[in-house]
């Protein structure tokens, strides 16, 4: 029994495989836009590539396709590091706190408690 001839288009190419890949890449773009660590207004791109290579007689053709997206990268982040010699060493390193600064409340010492504020007296 002969199958009904169906003209190939972008929707049914490879049984819908092209549209499936395009949909997946489109969802990646949407997820990238929703990512709070990425600039929302940055441009994203999706490229669909289709290559058709006919045989020598022009009676059949191999079709290769791919779908690729270009996403926005994360925003630049910024922090401060302190440059100092590592304690007990002569190596210079980066630290998240200034190791040259004395602790405000060294371990073992009692830390101050909450300060009591005097109540305000209202004259009547």
N, C-alpha and C. Protein backbone atom coordinates (compact mmCIF):
# COMPACT_ATOMS: atom_id res chain seq x y z
N UNK A 1 0.85 -1.18 0.00
CA UNK A 1 0.00 0.00 0.00
C UNK A 1 0.89 1.25 0.00
N UNK A 2 0.61 2.16 -0.89
CA UNK A 2 1.42 3.36 -1.06
C UNK A 2 0.97 4.44 -0.08
N UNK A 3 1.98 5.09 0.54
CA UNK A 3 1.66 6.19 1.46
C UNK A 3 1.28 7.43 0.67
N UNK A 4 0.46 8.25 1.30
CA UNK A 4 0.07 9.51 0.68
C UNK A 4 1.30 10.42 0.63
N UNK A 5 1.56 11.01 -0.54
CA UNK A 5 2.70 11.91 -0.70
C UNK A 5 2.41 13.23 0.01
N UNK A 6 3.33 13.61 0.89
CA UNK A 6 3.17 14.85 1.63
C UNK A 6 4.35 15.76 1.31
N UNK A 7 4.04 16.95 0.86
CA UNK A 7 5.10 17.91 0.57
C UNK A 7 5.80 18.31 1.87
N UNK A 8 7.12 18.36 1.82
CA UNK A 8 7.89 18.73 3.02
C UNK A 8 7.87 20.24 3.20
N UNK A 9 7.63 20.68 4.44
CA UNK A 9 7.75 22.09 4.80
C UNK A 9 8.47 22.17 6.15
N UNK A 10 8.66 23.35 6.66
CA UNK A 10 9.41 23.50 7.91
C UNK A 10 8.71 22.84 9.09
N UNK A 11 7.39 22.80 9.07
CA UNK A 11 6.64 22.18 10.17
C UNK A 11 6.81 20.67 10.22
N UNK A 12 6.85 20.01 9.05
CA UNK A 12 6.88 18.55 9.06
C UNK A 12 8.24 17.96 8.65
N UNK A 13 9.25 18.80 8.45
CA UNK A 13 10.58 18.30 8.09
C UNK A 13 11.07 17.32 9.15
N UNK A 14 11.47 16.14 8.73
CA UNK A 14 11.96 15.09 9.62
C UNK A 14 10.94 14.77 10.73
N UNK A 15 9.67 14.71 10.35
CA UNK A 15 8.62 14.36 11.30
C UNK A 15 8.44 15.40 12.39
N UNK A 16 8.75 16.66 12.09
CA UNK A 16 8.63 17.73 13.08
C UNK A 16 9.91 17.95 13.88
N UNK A 17 10.99 17.26 13.52
CA UNK A 17 12.25 17.38 14.26
C UNK A 17 12.83 18.78 14.27
N UNK A 18 12.73 19.47 13.13
CA UNK A 18 13.26 20.83 13.06
C UNK A 18 12.51 21.75 14.03
N UNK A 19 11.18 21.67 14.03
CA UNK A 19 10.39 22.54 14.91
C UNK A 19 10.61 22.19 16.38
N UNK A 20 10.86 20.91 16.65
CA UNK A 20 11.15 20.50 18.02
C UNK A 20 12.45 21.14 18.51
N UNK A 21 13.49 21.11 17.66
CA UNK A 21 14.76 21.75 18.03
C UNK A 21 14.59 23.27 18.18
N UNK A 22 13.85 23.88 17.25
CA UNK A 22 13.64 25.32 17.31
C UNK A 22 12.89 25.70 18.59
N UNK A 23 11.90 24.91 18.95
CA UNK A 23 11.13 25.17 20.17
C UNK A 23 12.02 25.06 21.41
N UNK A 24 12.89 24.04 21.43
CA UNK A 24 13.79 23.86 22.56
C UNK A 24 14.74 25.06 22.70
N UNK A 25 15.30 25.53 21.58
CA UNK A 25 16.21 26.68 21.63
C UNK A 25 15.45 27.95 22.03
N UNK A 26 14.20 28.07 21.59
CA UNK A 26 13.40 29.24 21.96
C UNK A 26 13.15 29.25 23.47
N UNK A 27 12.92 28.07 24.06
CA UNK A 27 12.74 27.99 25.51
C UNK A 27 14.02 28.36 26.25
N UNK A 28 15.18 28.00 25.68
CA UNK A 28 16.45 28.39 26.28
C UNK A 28 16.58 29.92 26.30
N UNK A 29 16.14 30.55 25.20
CA UNK A 29 16.18 32.02 25.14
C UNK A 29 15.27 32.62 26.20
N UNK A 30 14.06 32.07 26.35
CA UNK A 30 13.13 32.58 27.36
C UNK A 30 13.69 32.39 28.77
N UNK A 31 14.28 31.23 29.06
CA UNK A 31 14.89 31.00 30.37
C UNK A 31 16.03 31.98 30.62
N UNK A 32 16.80 32.27 29.57
CA UNK A 32 17.91 33.21 29.69
C UNK A 32 17.41 34.62 30.00
N UNK A 33 16.31 35.00 29.39
CA UNK A 33 15.73 36.33 29.65
C UNK A 33 15.24 36.41 31.09
N UNK A 34 14.69 35.31 31.61
CA UNK A 34 14.14 35.29 32.97
C UNK A 34 15.23 35.17 34.04
N UNK A 35 16.46 34.86 33.66
CA UNK A 35 17.56 34.69 34.62
C UNK A 35 17.90 36.04 35.24
N UNK A 36 17.80 36.19 36.56
CA UNK A 36 18.08 37.48 37.20
C UNK A 36 19.55 37.89 37.13
N UNK A 37 20.43 36.99 36.77
CA UNK A 37 21.86 37.30 36.69
C UNK A 37 22.31 37.73 35.30
N UNK A 38 21.34 37.87 34.38
CA UNK A 38 21.65 38.22 33.00
C UNK A 38 20.94 39.52 32.65
N UNK A 39 21.61 40.37 31.87
CA UNK A 39 20.99 41.63 31.44
C UNK A 39 19.75 41.33 30.59
N UNK A 40 18.61 41.79 31.03
CA UNK A 40 17.36 41.52 30.34
C UNK A 40 17.35 42.11 28.93
N UNK A 41 17.89 43.30 28.75
CA UNK A 41 17.79 43.98 27.45
C UNK A 41 18.84 43.51 26.44
N UNK A 42 19.69 42.58 26.80
CA UNK A 42 20.69 42.06 25.86
C UNK A 42 19.99 41.27 24.74
N UNK A 43 20.56 41.32 23.56
CA UNK A 43 19.98 40.63 22.40
C UNK A 43 20.34 39.15 22.41
N UNK A 44 19.34 38.32 22.16
CA UNK A 44 19.54 36.89 21.98
C UNK A 44 19.29 36.58 20.51
N UNK A 45 19.85 35.45 20.03
CA UNK A 45 19.70 35.12 18.62
C UNK A 45 19.48 33.62 18.46
N UNK A 46 18.64 33.26 17.49
CA UNK A 46 18.44 31.86 17.14
C UNK A 46 18.67 31.74 15.63
N UNK A 47 19.51 30.79 15.24
CA UNK A 47 19.83 30.58 13.83
C UNK A 47 19.40 29.16 13.45
N UNK A 48 18.59 29.08 12.40
CA UNK A 48 18.17 27.80 11.85
C UNK A 48 18.92 27.62 10.53
N UNK A 49 19.67 26.53 10.43
CA UNK A 49 20.45 26.25 9.23
C UNK A 49 19.92 24.97 8.58
N UNK A 50 19.63 25.06 7.29
CA UNK A 50 19.15 23.90 6.54
C UNK A 50 20.03 23.76 5.30
N UNK A 51 20.60 22.57 5.14
CA UNK A 51 21.43 22.28 3.97
C UNK A 51 20.75 21.17 3.16
N UNK A 52 20.56 21.42 1.87
CA UNK A 52 19.93 20.45 0.97
C UNK A 52 20.99 20.03 -0.05
N UNK A 53 21.31 18.72 -0.09
CA UNK A 53 22.32 18.21 -1.02
C UNK A 53 21.67 17.17 -1.94
N UNK A 54 21.37 17.58 -3.19
CA UNK A 54 20.75 16.65 -4.14
C UNK A 54 21.74 15.58 -4.59
N UNK A 55 21.20 14.42 -5.03
CA UNK A 55 22.06 13.39 -5.60
C UNK A 55 22.47 13.80 -7.02
N UNK A 56 23.30 12.98 -7.65
CA UNK A 56 23.83 13.31 -8.99
C UNK A 56 22.73 13.47 -10.04
N UNK A 57 21.67 12.72 -9.89
CA UNK A 57 20.60 12.76 -10.89
C UNK A 57 19.52 13.79 -10.57
N UNK A 58 19.60 14.37 -9.37
CA UNK A 58 18.58 15.35 -8.98
C UNK A 58 17.24 14.73 -8.66
N UNK A 59 17.24 13.45 -8.26
CA UNK A 59 15.98 12.77 -7.95
C UNK A 59 15.70 12.66 -6.47
N UNK A 60 16.71 12.81 -5.66
CA UNK A 60 16.53 12.80 -4.19
C UNK A 60 17.55 13.75 -3.59
N UNK A 61 17.36 14.06 -2.33
CA UNK A 61 18.28 14.99 -1.66
C UNK A 61 18.39 14.63 -0.19
N UNK A 62 19.60 14.81 0.34
CA UNK A 62 19.82 14.69 1.78
C UNK A 62 19.63 16.07 2.38
N UNK A 63 18.92 16.10 3.49
CA UNK A 63 18.67 17.39 4.17
C UNK A 63 19.28 17.32 5.56
N UNK A 64 20.16 18.26 5.85
CA UNK A 64 20.77 18.38 7.19
C UNK A 64 20.30 19.70 7.77
N UNK A 65 19.98 19.70 9.05
CA UNK A 65 19.52 20.94 9.67
C UNK A 65 20.08 21.04 11.09
N UNK A 66 20.17 22.27 11.55
CA UNK A 66 20.60 22.52 12.92
C UNK A 66 19.94 23.81 13.40
N UNK A 67 19.81 23.91 14.71
CA UNK A 67 19.25 25.10 15.33
C UNK A 67 20.17 25.47 16.48
N UNK A 68 20.64 26.70 16.47
CA UNK A 68 21.56 27.15 17.52
C UNK A 68 21.09 28.49 18.06
N UNK A 69 21.24 28.67 19.36
CA UNK A 69 20.89 29.95 19.95
C UNK A 69 22.14 30.59 20.54
N UNK A 70 22.15 31.90 20.53
CA UNK A 70 23.19 32.68 21.18
C UNK A 70 22.52 33.41 22.32
N UNK A 71 22.95 33.09 23.53
CA UNK A 71 22.32 33.67 24.72
C UNK A 71 23.17 34.78 25.30
N UNK A 72 22.55 35.60 26.12
CA UNK A 72 23.28 36.66 26.82
C UNK A 72 24.02 36.05 28.01
N UNK A 73 25.22 36.53 28.24
CA UNK A 73 26.01 36.05 29.38
C UNK A 73 25.61 36.76 30.65
N UNK A 74 26.14 36.32 31.76
CA UNK A 74 25.79 36.94 33.04
C UNK A 74 26.31 38.36 33.14
N UNK A 75 25.61 39.16 33.93
CA UNK A 75 26.06 40.52 34.21
C UNK A 75 27.42 40.46 34.88
N UNK A 76 28.18 41.52 34.71
CA UNK A 76 29.44 41.61 35.42
C UNK A 76 29.13 41.83 36.89
N UNK A 77 29.83 41.12 37.74
CA UNK A 77 29.68 41.29 39.18
C UNK A 77 30.94 41.97 39.69
N UNK A 78 30.85 42.53 40.88
CA UNK A 78 31.98 43.27 41.42
C UNK A 78 32.06 43.05 42.92
N UNK A 79 33.26 42.92 43.41
CA UNK A 79 33.49 42.79 44.85
C UNK A 79 34.83 43.42 45.17
N UNK A 80 35.17 43.49 46.43
CA UNK A 80 36.46 44.03 46.86
C UNK A 80 37.24 42.94 47.56
N UNK A 81 38.51 42.87 47.25
CA UNK A 81 39.39 41.92 47.91
C UNK A 81 40.54 42.70 48.53
N UNK A 82 41.06 42.19 49.63
CA UNK A 82 42.19 42.82 50.30
C UNK A 82 43.45 42.02 50.00
N UNK A 83 44.51 42.73 49.65
CA UNK A 83 45.78 42.09 49.30
C UNK A 83 46.68 42.16 50.52
N UNK A 84 47.14 40.99 50.93
CA UNK A 84 48.00 40.95 52.12
C UNK A 84 48.78 39.64 52.13
N UNK A 85 49.76 39.57 53.02
CA UNK A 85 50.48 38.32 53.21
C UNK A 85 49.59 37.38 54.01
N UNK A 86 49.57 36.13 53.58
CA UNK A 86 48.80 35.13 54.31
C UNK A 86 49.41 34.99 55.70
N UNK A 87 48.59 34.93 56.75
CA UNK A 87 49.12 34.81 58.11
C UNK A 87 50.06 33.61 58.22
N UNK A 88 51.23 33.85 58.80
CA UNK A 88 52.21 32.79 58.99
C UNK A 88 52.94 32.40 57.71
N UNK A 89 52.89 33.25 56.69
CA UNK A 89 53.51 32.93 55.41
C UNK A 89 54.07 34.20 54.79
N UNK A 90 54.88 34.04 53.79
CA UNK A 90 55.37 35.21 53.06
C UNK A 90 54.70 35.32 51.70
N UNK A 91 53.66 34.52 51.49
CA UNK A 91 52.93 34.54 50.22
C UNK A 91 51.88 35.65 50.24
N UNK A 92 51.80 36.37 49.13
CA UNK A 92 50.77 37.40 48.97
C UNK A 92 49.51 36.72 48.46
N UNK A 93 48.37 37.05 49.07
CA UNK A 93 47.09 36.46 48.68
C UNK A 93 46.01 37.51 48.69
N UNK A 94 44.82 37.12 48.22
CA UNK A 94 43.63 37.97 48.26
C UNK A 94 42.71 37.44 49.35
N UNK A 95 42.09 38.35 50.09
CA UNK A 95 41.21 37.98 51.21
C UNK A 95 39.92 38.77 51.13
N UNK A 96 38.85 38.18 51.67
CA UNK A 96 37.54 38.83 51.70
C UNK A 96 37.44 39.87 52.81
N UNK A 97 38.30 39.77 53.79
CA UNK A 97 38.37 40.76 54.88
C UNK A 97 39.82 41.20 55.00
N UNK A 98 40.05 42.37 55.57
CA UNK A 98 41.40 42.88 55.74
C UNK A 98 42.05 42.17 56.91
N UNK A 99 42.96 41.25 56.63
CA UNK A 99 43.61 40.47 57.68
C UNK A 99 44.56 41.31 58.52
N UNK A 100 44.90 42.50 58.05
CA UNK A 100 45.80 43.38 58.81
C UNK A 100 45.06 44.17 59.88
N UNK A 101 43.72 44.19 59.79
CA UNK A 101 42.93 44.95 60.76
C UNK A 101 42.63 44.05 61.96
N UNK A 102 42.82 44.60 63.15
CA UNK A 102 42.54 43.83 64.37
C UNK A 102 41.04 43.58 64.48
N UNK A 103 40.70 42.42 65.07
CA UNK A 103 39.29 42.11 65.30
C UNK A 103 38.70 43.14 66.25
N UNK A 104 37.52 43.59 65.98
CA UNK A 104 36.84 44.53 66.85
C UNK A 104 36.46 43.86 68.15
N UNK A 105 36.00 42.62 68.07
CA UNK A 105 35.64 41.85 69.25
C UNK A 105 36.35 40.50 69.17
N UNK A 106 37.59 40.41 69.65
CA UNK A 106 38.32 39.14 69.58
C UNK A 106 37.56 38.04 70.30
N UNK A 107 37.74 36.80 69.81
CA UNK A 107 37.08 35.66 70.44
C UNK A 107 37.48 35.57 71.91
N UNK A 108 36.53 35.20 72.75
CA UNK A 108 36.79 35.06 74.18
C UNK A 108 36.45 36.31 74.96
N UNK A 109 36.46 37.47 74.31
CA UNK A 109 36.10 38.71 75.01
C UNK A 109 34.59 38.89 74.93
N UNK A 110 34.05 39.46 75.97
CA UNK A 110 32.62 39.68 76.02
C UNK A 110 32.26 40.80 75.04
N UNK A 111 31.26 40.53 74.23
CA UNK A 111 30.81 41.53 73.28
C UNK A 111 29.75 42.39 73.94
N UNK A 112 29.71 43.66 73.60
CA UNK A 112 28.73 44.55 74.23
C UNK A 112 27.30 44.11 73.89
N UNK A 113 26.41 44.28 74.84
CA UNK A 113 25.01 43.95 74.65
C UNK A 113 24.26 45.13 74.08
N UNK A 114 22.94 45.03 74.00
CA UNK A 114 22.16 46.13 73.47
C UNK A 114 22.23 47.35 74.39
N UNK A 115 22.18 48.49 73.80
CA UNK A 115 22.23 49.74 74.55
C UNK A 115 20.81 50.14 74.91
N UNK A 116 20.58 50.41 76.21
CA UNK A 116 19.25 50.84 76.66
C UNK A 116 19.11 52.32 76.42
N UNK A 117 18.06 52.67 75.76
CA UNK A 117 17.79 54.09 75.49
C UNK A 117 16.87 54.61 76.58
N UNK A 118 17.17 55.80 77.12
CA UNK A 118 16.28 56.38 78.14
C UNK A 118 14.92 56.68 77.54
N UNK A 119 13.87 56.48 78.35
CA UNK A 119 12.54 56.80 77.85
C UNK A 119 12.37 58.31 77.85
N UNK A 120 11.59 58.73 76.91
CA UNK A 120 11.34 60.15 76.76
C UNK A 120 10.23 60.56 77.72
N UNK A 121 10.50 61.60 78.45
CA UNK A 121 9.50 62.11 79.37
C UNK A 121 8.71 63.19 78.66
N UNK A 122 7.39 63.05 78.68
CA UNK A 122 6.54 64.02 78.01
C UNK A 122 5.88 64.87 79.06
N UNK A 123 6.05 66.18 78.95
CA UNK A 123 5.39 67.11 79.87
C UNK A 123 3.95 67.31 79.46
N UNK A 124 3.10 67.29 80.46
CA UNK A 124 1.68 67.47 80.16
C UNK A 124 1.20 68.81 80.55
